[in-house]
Amino acid sequence: MERGFMPRKRARAVVLGALLLACAGPALADAEKLEADLRALFADQPGELTIGDISESMLGGETRAEDLEYVSDRGGRVHVDRYVVEGDYDDPDRVVLEGLSVTEEKEDGQAGTITARRLVVVEPSRPVLSPRGVLADGLEAAELTAEGLVIERSGRTVLGTAGERARSVTNPRLTVERLHARDLAPDTIGSLEATDIAGSGESFGEIGDGKFTLGVLNIEGLHDLKSQAEARADRMELKNLNIEAQRLAATLDRLLVESDMSDGAGGLWLESLDLDLARMIELAPAEKRTRLRMMSNVLTGGSGQLSLDAAFDGQWEALDDTRAMLLGKSRVTADDAFRWTFDSETPARLPEGADPASYFAEVDGLDDVTLLGGEVETTLTDLGLFGRLPAVIATSQSMSEDEFMAQARTQAKGLGSLFGPEFATLLGGLVDMMEGKASELVVHFTLPEGDEQELDALADDPLVLPSKLSMQVHTR
């Protein structure tokens, strides 16, 4: 062998060793960073943190902790089978948690647990997530996906938001097979979709013990999440809802709510809400069943199954800087019972300084809008309900159908003499529908042009409404 040369195998070994040493430096640094960050995360909470192992892939790009477990002095517990940071540790591509379990500290004998089979956060703003929740402490992320999510709590839990009557449920449990969110920020979420949802609980308000399943929940444009009273969404859709409770049995194909009207339109749409009235009556107290069964027979013709569809469309068109045209179309249909429609076209003056697009983007009512006249028409169509009313009402009042109809006609004329000819036509039209002489009742209003004070005065004095509103009634 010539001097100054080494065997080829030994040369390769030296090069490989140098490469391994070069990789070992940053690997050790990232592993130390992850351990330090995890320990700092729990440092302000009394308890013990144990970590089975922390390592980095040989060529970098992945740092992981195995068997992470924190137990607080007050009974809280956080466990993660595997915690992985992918990409640059200080600017990670993804953070993956597998086998996550978080148990709340016990309060008054109650405890709550959150578990997830797998949690993936894409492009998070930091590598270590807070045990108080992935949205806590200002976390931002491009996406979040949770699989096999289970949330449950023992004991009584009070529900409700500011301004609403508080409700409670005992031993609630919620499971979500998959949850996917985009564009996460401390106060907003761009979109959220959950699939294969199931829940259960006991003693929930007036419906009692029950359970539900939901195929899909989709929410877009979540805002003001830090405030329970002001939190809102631009759009919400749910599909395939099934509720089975002590006093409620219902299914719903689809519900869509679009509350952001900045683009000129919004509304609420409900498709195929089916109520099992017969089953609900059997579960009601015995002393109430006769009356409830009578009401069910009127609504369903004896089938005990009520199906509802509804649509409430709202639109607006800017007339100028301070005025807008408000357009509304509403429809409610109860199969084999009735259909009700409401159409309106009313110009309005917005609050001073309000931009129409900005105003309707967050509108929560029209209390500060001044109506400037317009047209309103509502139509009631009989699909079987009115034909069934005379027999049921007559039976409840111990009289014949003929006697009831004669009495109804007399009362309609009497009330018409008090409220005016328009009301006489309105009430007479309802009697005609019960007698089968008409199938639709149409009421048309022409609203007066005026200020808020005049409209308030009209609401306080309904006797002048027919003349002031140019009320017209006719049957078909």
Protein backbone atom coordinates (compact mmCIF):
# COMPACT_ATOMS: atom_id res chain seq x y z
CA MET A 1 0.00 0.00 0.00
CA GLU A 2 1.34 3.41 -0.93
CA ARG A 3 1.91 5.92 1.80
CA GLY A 4 -0.77 8.62 2.16
CA PHE A 5 -3.62 6.41 0.96
CA MET A 6 -6.17 4.42 3.00
CA PRO A 7 -8.28 1.44 1.95
CA ARG A 8 -11.45 2.29 0.01
CA LYS A 9 -13.75 0.68 2.61
CA ARG A 10 -12.16 2.65 5.41
CA ALA A 11 -12.52 5.89 3.41
CA ARG A 12 -16.25 5.26 2.95
CA ALA A 13 -16.58 4.58 6.67
CA VAL A 14 -14.86 7.85 7.55
CA VAL A 15 -17.11 9.81 5.18
CA LEU A 16 -20.24 8.11 6.56
CA GLY A 17 -19.12 8.79 10.10
CA ALA A 18 -18.54 12.45 9.30
CA LEU A 19 -22.03 12.65 7.78
CA LEU A 20 -23.60 11.07 10.85
CA LEU A 21 -21.74 13.47 13.12
CA ALA A 22 -22.94 16.39 11.02
CA CYS A 23 -26.53 15.21 11.30
CA ALA A 24 -26.29 14.44 15.00
CA GLY A 25 -25.66 18.07 15.98
CA PRO A 26 -28.99 19.64 14.87
CA ALA A 27 -30.87 16.45 15.71
CA LEU A 28 -29.81 16.68 19.30
CA ALA A 29 -30.63 20.41 19.31
CA ASP A 30 -34.20 19.87 18.01
CA ALA A 31 -34.81 17.02 20.44
CA GLU A 32 -33.65 19.22 23.30
CA LYS A 33 -35.89 22.04 22.06
CA LEU A 34 -38.95 19.79 21.96
CA GLU A 35 -38.33 18.48 25.48
CA ALA A 36 -37.73 22.00 26.81
CA ASP A 37 -40.88 23.34 25.12
CA LEU A 38 -43.02 20.47 26.40
CA ARG A 39 -41.76 20.94 29.95
CA ALA A 40 -42.31 24.71 29.70
CA LEU A 41 -45.88 24.08 28.59
CA PHE A 42 -46.72 22.48 31.94
CA ALA A 43 -44.26 24.41 34.11
CA ASP A 44 -46.87 26.76 35.58
CA GLN A 45 -49.15 23.88 36.62
CA PRO A 46 -48.46 21.76 39.70
CA GLY A 47 -47.97 18.16 38.68
CA GLU A 48 -45.58 15.71 37.06
CA LEU A 49 -44.59 15.35 33.39
CA THR A 50 -42.99 12.18 32.07
CA ILE A 51 -41.70 11.55 28.55
CA GLY A 52 -40.81 8.05 27.44
CA ASP A 53 -38.39 9.04 24.67
CA ILE A 54 -37.50 12.04 22.49
CA SER A 55 -35.66 11.61 19.20
CA GLU A 56 -35.04 13.07 15.75
CA SER A 57 -34.89 11.25 12.42
CA MET A 58 -31.33 10.56 11.28
CA LEU A 59 -31.47 12.97 8.34
CA GLY A 60 -33.59 15.56 10.12
CA GLY A 61 -37.08 16.75 9.23
CA GLU A 62 -38.91 14.98 12.06
CA THR A 63 -38.73 15.36 15.83
CA ARG A 64 -40.86 13.16 18.06
CA ALA A 65 -41.75 12.44 21.66
CA GLU A 66 -43.14 9.05 22.73
CA ASP A 67 -45.44 8.27 25.68
CA LEU A 68 -45.94 11.82 26.89
CA GLU A 69 -47.97 12.00 30.10
CA TYR A 70 -48.76 14.81 32.52
CA VAL A 71 -50.67 14.27 35.78
CA SER A 72 -51.66 17.32 37.82
CA ASP A 73 -51.93 17.45 41.58
CA ARG A 74 -55.72 17.94 41.27
CA GLY A 75 -56.44 14.95 39.06
CA GLY A 76 -56.09 16.38 35.58
CA ARG A 77 -54.29 14.24 33.02
CA VAL A 78 -52.84 14.67 29.53
CA HIS A 79 -51.56 11.66 27.60
CA VAL A 80 -50.14 11.45 24.05
CA ASP A 81 -48.87 8.20 22.55
CA ARG A 82 -46.79 10.02 19.95
CA TYR A 83 -46.07 13.73 19.39
CA VAL A 84 -44.38 14.49 16.04
CA VAL A 85 -43.08 17.78 14.62
CA GLU A 86 -42.47 17.52 10.86
CA GLY A 87 -40.20 19.86 8.89
CA ASP A 88 -38.16 22.70 10.35
CA TYR A 89 -38.75 22.55 14.10
CA ASP A 90 -38.98 26.34 14.49
CA ASP A 91 -41.30 26.66 11.45
CA PRO A 92 -42.99 23.24 11.18
CA ASP A 93 -44.88 21.90 8.20
CA ARG A 94 -47.12 19.76 10.41
CA VAL A 95 -47.62 18.73 14.02
CA VAL A 96 -49.16 15.28 14.54
CA LEU A 97 -50.56 13.90 17.79
CA GLU A 98 -51.58 10.25 18.03
CA GLY A 99 -53.48 8.70 20.91
CA LEU A 100 -54.46 11.97 22.58
CA SER A 101 -56.39 11.94 25.86
CA VAL A 102 -57.13 14.98 28.06
CA THR A 103 -59.00 14.63 31.36
CA GLU A 104 -60.18 17.76 33.12
CA GLU A 105 -59.53 18.30 36.80
CA LYS A 106 -62.49 17.17 38.89
CA GLU A 107 -64.84 19.83 40.22
CA ASP A 108 -67.76 18.95 42.53
CA GLY A 109 -67.46 15.32 41.54
CA GLN A 110 -67.65 16.10 37.80
CA ALA A 111 -64.98 15.29 35.24
CA GLY A 112 -64.63 15.71 31.49
CA THR A 113 -62.52 13.83 28.96
CA ILE A 114 -61.48 14.60 25.39
CA THR A 115 -59.84 11.90 23.30
CA ALA A 116 -58.72 11.76 19.67
CA ARG A 117 -57.23 8.95 17.67
CA ARG A 118 -55.19 11.38 15.58
CA LEU A 119 -54.81 15.15 15.43
CA VAL A 120 -52.95 16.90 12.57
CA VAL A 121 -52.21 20.64 12.43
CA VAL A 122 -50.80 21.98 9.16
CA GLU A 123 -48.43 24.97 9.18
CA PRO A 124 -48.95 25.83 12.86
CA SER A 125 -47.50 29.06 14.19
CA ARG A 126 -45.54 27.08 16.80
CA PRO A 127 -44.39 23.47 17.25
CA VAL A 128 -45.97 22.77 20.65
CA LEU A 129 -49.73 22.99 21.16
CA SER A 130 -51.39 24.07 24.39
CA PRO A 131 -53.14 21.43 26.52
CA ARG A 132 -55.92 24.00 27.02
CA GLY A 133 -56.90 23.55 23.38
CA VAL A 134 -55.42 23.95 19.92
CA LEU A 135 -57.06 27.38 19.56
CA ALA A 136 -55.69 28.71 22.85
CA ASP A 137 -52.77 31.07 23.31
CA GLY A 138 -52.97 32.69 19.89
CA LEU A 139 -52.34 29.62 17.73
CA GLU A 140 -52.62 30.09 13.97
CA ALA A 141 -52.67 27.28 11.42
CA ALA A 142 -53.58 26.60 7.80
CA GLU A 143 -55.54 23.43 8.60
CA LEU A 144 -56.54 21.17 11.46
CA THR A 145 -57.86 17.61 11.20
CA ALA A 146 -59.09 15.48 14.09
CA GLU A 147 -60.04 11.81 13.69
CA GLY A 148 -61.93 9.71 16.21
CA LEU A 149 -62.82 12.67 18.44
CA VAL A 150 -64.76 11.92 21.64
CA ILE A 151 -65.93 14.55 24.16
CA GLU A 152 -67.74 13.46 27.31
CA ARG A 153 -68.47 14.74 30.76
CA SER A 154 -69.89 13.16 33.90
CA GLY A 155 -72.50 14.93 35.99
CA ARG A 156 -74.62 17.97 35.15
CA THR A 157 -73.37 20.51 32.62
CA VAL A 158 -74.96 23.94 32.20
CA LEU A 159 -75.39 25.06 28.60
CA GLY A 160 -76.42 28.37 27.07
CA THR A 161 -75.09 31.69 25.85
CA ALA A 162 -75.42 35.25 27.04
CA GLY A 163 -78.96 36.54 26.75
CA GLU A 164 -80.52 33.07 26.61
CA ARG A 165 -82.14 30.97 29.29
CA ALA A 166 -79.53 28.56 30.61
CA ARG A 167 -80.18 24.86 30.00
CA SER A 168 -78.44 21.83 31.40
CA VAL A 169 -77.73 18.26 30.38
CA THR A 170 -76.47 15.34 32.44
CA ASN A 171 -73.66 13.03 31.30
CA PRO A 172 -73.33 14.49 27.78
CA ARG A 173 -71.26 12.62 25.20
CA LEU A 174 -70.29 13.69 21.68
CA THR A 175 -68.35 11.73 19.05
CA VAL A 176 -67.05 13.03 15.71
CA GLU A 177 -65.43 10.64 13.29
CA ARG A 178 -63.66 13.42 11.40
CA LEU A 179 -63.34 17.17 11.88
CA HIS A 180 -61.53 19.41 9.40
CA ALA A 181 -60.95 23.16 9.83
CA ARG A 182 -59.13 25.70 7.64
CA ASP A 183 -57.56 29.10 8.25
CA LEU A 184 -57.40 29.02 12.04
CA ALA A 185 -56.67 32.21 13.97
CA PRO A 186 -57.24 33.18 17.63
CA ASP A 187 -60.59 34.83 16.89
CA THR A 188 -61.70 33.32 13.57
CA ILE A 189 -61.94 30.06 11.60
CA GLY A 190 -62.33 30.15 7.83
CA SER A 191 -64.33 26.92 7.57
CA LEU A 192 -65.13 23.85 9.66
CA GLU A 193 -66.62 20.53 8.58
CA ALA A 194 -67.50 17.61 10.84
CA THR A 195 -68.80 14.24 9.62
CA ASP A 196 -70.45 11.23 11.28
CA ILE A 197 -71.44 12.99 14.50
CA ALA A 198 -73.32 11.32 17.37
CA GLY A 199 -74.36 12.62 20.76
CA SER A 200 -76.32 11.62 23.83
CA GLY A 201 -77.35 13.07 27.16
CA GLU A 202 -79.81 12.81 30.02
CA SER A 203 -82.35 15.29 31.38
CA PHE A 204 -81.86 17.79 28.56
CA GLY A 205 -84.48 20.50 29.11
CA GLU A 206 -88.00 19.59 28.01
CA ILE A 207 -87.02 16.69 25.73
CA GLY A 208 -85.57 14.52 28.52
CA ASP A 209 -83.03 11.77 27.87
CA GLY A 210 -82.08 11.35 24.25
CA LYS A 211 -79.54 10.84 21.52
CA PHE A 212 -78.89 12.13 18.02
CA THR A 213 -76.84 11.46 14.90
CA LEU A 214 -75.77 14.00 12.29
CA GLY A 215 -74.22 13.15 8.94
CA VAL A 216 -72.51 16.45 8.11
CA LEU A 217 -72.04 19.83 9.80
CA ASN A 218 -70.43 22.55 7.70
CA ILE A 219 -69.74 26.06 9.02
CA GLU A 220 -68.05 28.91 7.16
CA GLY A 221 -66.82 32.30 8.31
CA LEU A 222 -66.66 31.90 12.10
CA HIS A 223 -66.00 35.28 13.77
CA ASP A 224 -65.54 36.74 17.26
CA LEU A 225 -64.84 33.37 18.84
CA LYS A 226 -63.40 34.90 22.00
CA SER A 227 -66.82 36.33 22.88
CA GLN A 228 -69.57 33.80 23.54
CA ALA A 229 -72.22 36.51 23.14
CA GLU A 230 -70.89 37.86 19.82
CA ALA A 231 -69.62 34.67 18.15
CA ARG A 232 -71.27 34.18 14.75
CA ALA A 233 -70.94 32.35 11.45
CA ASP A 234 -71.54 33.52 7.89
CA ARG A 235 -72.97 30.17 6.80
CA MET A 236 -74.06 26.94 8.48
CA GLU A 237 -75.33 23.74 6.92
CA LEU A 238 -76.26 20.40 8.46
CA LYS A 239 -77.48 17.22 6.80
CA ASN A 240 -79.15 13.99 7.90
CA LEU A 241 -80.11 14.79 11.48
CA ASN A 242 -81.89 12.11 13.51
CA ILE A 243 -83.16 12.82 17.05
CA GLU A 244 -84.57 10.18 19.39
CA ALA A 245 -85.53 11.47 22.84
CA GLN A 246 -88.12 10.87 25.52
CA ARG A 247 -90.38 13.63 24.22
CA LEU A 248 -89.06 14.28 20.71
CA ALA A 249 -88.64 12.04 17.65
CA ALA A 250 -87.59 13.83 14.49
CA THR A 251 -85.46 13.62 11.35
CA LEU A 252 -84.20 16.45 9.16
CA ASP A 253 -82.68 16.09 5.71
CA ARG A 254 -81.04 19.51 5.51
CA LEU A 255 -80.85 22.88 7.22
CA LEU A 256 -78.99 25.81 5.65
CA VAL A 257 -78.55 29.24 7.24
CA GLU A 258 -76.79 32.08 5.42
CA SER A 259 -76.53 35.09 7.73
CA ASP A 260 -73.92 37.14 5.87
CA MET A 261 -75.97 39.35 3.55
CA SER A 262 -73.09 41.56 2.38
CA ASP A 263 -73.49 40.04 -1.11
CA GLY A 264 -77.16 41.02 -1.21
CA ALA A 265 -78.81 37.76 -0.15
CA GLY A 266 -79.23 35.40 2.78
CA GLY A 267 -81.81 33.30 4.52
CA LEU A 268 -82.82 30.01 6.08
CA TRP A 269 -83.85 26.82 4.28
CA LEU A 270 -85.25 23.70 5.95
CA GLU A 271 -85.85 20.52 3.97
CA SER A 272 -87.93 17.56 5.14
CA LEU A 273 -88.30 18.00 8.86
CA ASP A 274 -90.29 14.89 9.82
CA LEU A 275 -91.89 14.77 13.27
CA ASP A 276 -93.17 11.47 14.63
CA LEU A 277 -96.12 12.93 16.52
CA ALA A 278 -97.66 9.53 17.23
CA ARG A 279 -94.57 8.35 19.07
CA MET A 280 -94.19 11.63 20.92
CA ILE A 281 -97.80 11.43 22.11
CA GLU A 282 -97.27 7.93 23.49
CA LEU A 283 -94.32 9.26 25.50
CA ALA A 284 -96.30 12.24 26.84
CA PRO A 285 -98.05 12.19 30.25
CA ALA A 286 -101.31 10.24 30.13
CA GLU A 287 -103.48 13.25 31.03
CA LYS A 288 -102.21 15.17 27.98
CA ARG A 289 -102.47 12.45 25.36
CA THR A 290 -106.12 12.97 24.36
CA ARG A 291 -105.65 16.65 23.57
CA LEU A 292 -102.33 16.03 21.82
CA ARG A 293 -103.83 13.21 19.75
CA MET A 294 -106.65 15.53 18.68
CA MET A 295 -104.13 18.16 17.54
CA SER A 296 -102.12 15.49 15.71
CA ASN A 297 -105.21 14.27 13.88
CA VAL A 298 -105.94 17.81 12.69
CA LEU A 299 -102.38 18.34 11.43
CA THR A 300 -101.74 14.91 9.92
CA GLY A 301 -105.15 13.47 9.10
CA GLY A 302 -104.58 10.61 11.52
CA SER A 303 -101.19 9.45 10.21
CA GLY A 304 -99.29 10.85 13.19
CA GLN A 305 -96.44 11.90 10.86
CA LEU A 306 -95.88 15.60 10.16
CA SER A 307 -93.45 16.70 7.43
CA LEU A 308 -92.37 20.33 7.12
CA ASP A 309 -90.41 22.28 4.52
CA ALA A 310 -89.55 25.96 4.88
CA ALA A 311 -87.62 28.69 3.08
CA PHE A 312 -87.01 32.26 4.22
CA ASP A 313 -85.18 34.21 1.51
CA GLY A 314 -83.96 37.74 2.18
CA GLN A 315 -82.41 40.12 -0.34
CA TRP A 316 -81.50 43.77 -0.52
CA GLU A 317 -80.68 46.17 -3.32
CA ALA A 318 -79.00 49.54 -2.75
CA LEU A 319 -81.13 52.48 -3.94
CA ASP A 320 -78.61 55.15 -2.96
CA ASP A 321 -76.15 55.85 -0.14
CA THR A 322 -78.84 55.83 2.56
CA ARG A 323 -81.68 53.71 1.20
CA ALA A 324 -82.13 50.09 0.20
CA MET A 325 -84.93 47.93 -1.16
CA LEU A 326 -85.65 44.98 1.14
CA LEU A 327 -87.07 41.88 -0.57
CA GLY A 328 -88.42 38.89 1.33
CA LYS A 329 -89.89 35.56 0.23
CA SER A 330 -91.00 33.04 2.83
CA ARG A 331 -92.58 29.62 2.40
CA VAL A 332 -93.72 27.06 4.97
CA THR A 333 -95.37 23.81 3.87
CA ALA A 334 -96.80 21.14 6.14
CA ASP A 335 -97.68 18.10 4.02
CA ASP A 336 -101.41 17.26 4.05
CA ALA A 337 -102.08 20.32 6.22
CA PHE A 338 -101.32 23.83 4.86
CA ARG A 339 -98.95 26.09 2.95
CA TRP A 340 -98.17 29.66 4.04
CA THR A 341 -96.31 32.20 1.92
CA PHE A 342 -95.16 35.73 2.68
CA ASP A 343 -93.73 38.10 0.05
CA SER A 344 -92.57 41.64 0.75
CA GLU A 345 -90.94 44.48 -1.14
CA THR A 346 -90.21 47.46 1.09
CA PRO A 347 -87.85 50.42 0.60
CA ALA A 348 -86.07 51.44 3.79
CA ARG A 349 -83.71 54.10 5.11
CA LEU A 350 -80.63 52.78 6.89
CA PRO A 351 -79.08 54.34 10.01
CA GLU A 352 -77.11 57.50 9.34
CA GLY A 353 -73.63 56.79 8.02
CA ALA A 354 -74.27 53.08 7.42
CA ASP A 355 -72.85 51.48 4.27
CA PRO A 356 -75.42 48.96 2.95
CA ALA A 357 -72.91 46.13 2.34
CA SER A 358 -71.25 46.55 5.73
CA TYR A 359 -74.57 46.99 7.52
CA PHE A 360 -76.18 43.86 6.11
CA ALA A 361 -73.01 41.80 6.62
CA GLU A 362 -73.66 41.81 10.37
CA VAL A 363 -77.36 42.67 10.60
CA ASP A 364 -79.09 41.13 13.62
CA GLY A 365 -82.47 42.80 13.22
CA LEU A 366 -84.13 45.81 11.63
CA ASP A 367 -84.90 47.84 14.74
CA ASP A 368 -82.88 50.81 13.52
CA VAL A 369 -84.20 50.71 9.94
CA THR A 370 -86.98 53.10 8.85
CA LEU A 371 -89.51 51.59 6.44
CA LEU A 372 -90.58 53.87 3.58
CA GLY A 373 -93.74 52.13 2.42
CA GLY A 374 -93.85 49.04 0.22
CA GLU A 375 -95.99 46.01 -0.57
CA VAL A 376 -96.62 42.85 1.45
CA GLU A 377 -98.69 39.84 0.43
CA THR A 378 -99.37 36.66 2.38
CA THR A 379 -101.24 33.57 1.19
CA LEU A 380 -102.66 30.67 3.20
CA THR A 381 -103.41 27.50 1.20
CA ASP A 382 -105.42 24.60 2.55
CA LEU A 383 -103.83 21.18 1.99
CA GLY A 384 -106.28 19.31 4.22
CA LEU A 385 -106.05 21.08 7.59
CA PHE A 386 -109.11 23.34 7.29
CA GLY A 387 -111.36 20.55 6.11
CA ARG A 388 -110.59 18.64 9.30
CA LEU A 389 -111.00 21.56 11.71
CA PRO A 390 -114.84 21.73 11.98
CA ALA A 391 -115.27 18.12 13.14
CA VAL A 392 -112.50 18.35 15.72
CA ILE A 393 -113.55 21.72 17.13
CA ALA A 394 -117.22 20.77 17.17
CA THR A 395 -116.44 17.58 19.07
CA SER A 396 -114.36 19.46 21.63
CA GLN A 397 -117.26 21.89 22.20
CA SER A 398 -119.95 19.17 22.28
CA MET A 399 -121.90 20.43 19.25
CA SER A 400 -122.57 19.31 15.70
CA GLU A 401 -120.49 20.47 12.75
CA ASP A 402 -123.44 22.46 11.37
CA GLU A 403 -123.88 24.23 14.70
CA PHE A 404 -120.17 25.05 14.85
CA MET A 405 -120.07 26.41 11.29
CA ALA A 406 -123.13 28.60 11.90
CA GLN A 407 -121.54 29.93 15.06
CA ALA A 408 -118.23 30.57 13.27
CA ARG A 409 -120.00 32.50 10.50
CA THR A 410 -121.87 34.65 13.03
CA GLN A 411 -118.70 35.40 15.01
CA ALA A 412 -116.81 36.33 11.83
CA LYS A 413 -119.50 38.91 10.95
CA GLY A 414 -119.54 40.24 14.50
CA LEU A 415 -115.78 40.75 14.67
CA GLY A 416 -115.86 42.27 11.20
CA SER A 417 -118.27 44.97 12.43
CA LEU A 418 -115.74 45.87 15.14
CA PHE A 419 -112.54 45.84 13.07
CA GLY A 420 -113.86 46.84 9.66
CA PRO A 421 -114.93 45.23 6.38
CA GLU A 422 -111.43 44.01 5.58
CA PHE A 423 -111.34 41.92 8.76
CA ALA A 424 -114.87 40.68 8.02
CA THR A 425 -113.63 39.42 4.63
CA LEU A 426 -110.56 37.87 6.26
CA LEU A 427 -112.50 35.95 8.89
CA GLY A 428 -115.21 35.03 6.39
CA GLY A 429 -112.50 33.63 4.12
CA LEU A 430 -111.29 31.32 6.89
CA VAL A 431 -114.84 30.04 7.36
CA ASP A 432 -115.14 29.50 3.59
CA MET A 433 -111.98 27.36 3.70
CA MET A 434 -113.42 25.23 6.51
CA GLU A 435 -116.62 24.77 4.49
CA GLY A 436 -114.65 23.83 1.38
CA LYS A 437 -115.82 26.88 -0.57
CA ALA A 438 -112.27 28.22 -0.94
CA SER A 439 -108.79 26.71 -0.96
CA GLU A 440 -106.69 29.87 -0.60
CA LEU A 441 -106.88 33.10 1.35
CA VAL A 442 -104.80 36.03 0.09
CA VAL A 443 -104.13 39.20 2.08
CA HIS A 444 -102.32 42.14 0.45
CA PHE A 445 -101.01 45.20 2.33
CA THR A 446 -99.74 48.50 0.98
CA LEU A 447 -97.56 49.98 3.70
CA PRO A 448 -97.72 53.71 4.40
CA GLU A 449 -94.77 55.95 3.80
CA GLY A 450 -93.76 57.42 7.10
CA ASP A 451 -91.22 57.63 9.84
CA GLU A 452 -90.60 55.29 12.75
CA GLN A 453 -92.99 57.17 15.02
CA GLU A 454 -95.92 56.67 12.64
CA LEU A 455 -95.20 52.95 12.23
CA ASP A 456 -94.94 52.53 15.99
CA ALA A 457 -98.31 54.26 16.39
CA LEU A 458 -99.87 51.86 13.88
CA ALA A 459 -98.55 48.88 15.82
CA ASP A 460 -100.01 50.30 19.03
CA ASP A 461 -103.45 50.84 17.48
CA PRO A 462 -104.36 47.82 15.31
CA LEU A 463 -107.90 49.10 14.75
CA VAL A 464 -106.60 51.63 12.23
CA LEU A 465 -104.34 49.15 10.44
CA PRO A 466 -106.77 48.13 7.64
CA SER A 467 -107.31 51.69 6.41
CA LYS A 468 -103.74 52.88 6.93
CA LEU A 469 -102.24 49.78 5.34
CA SER A 470 -104.69 49.61 2.41
CA MET A 471 -105.52 46.01 3.30
CA GLN A 472 -107.12 43.87 0.57
CA VAL A 473 -108.45 40.33 1.13
CA HIS A 474 -109.77 37.78 -1.34
CA THR A 475 -110.18 34.02 -1.62
CA ARG A 476 -109.50 31.61 -4.45
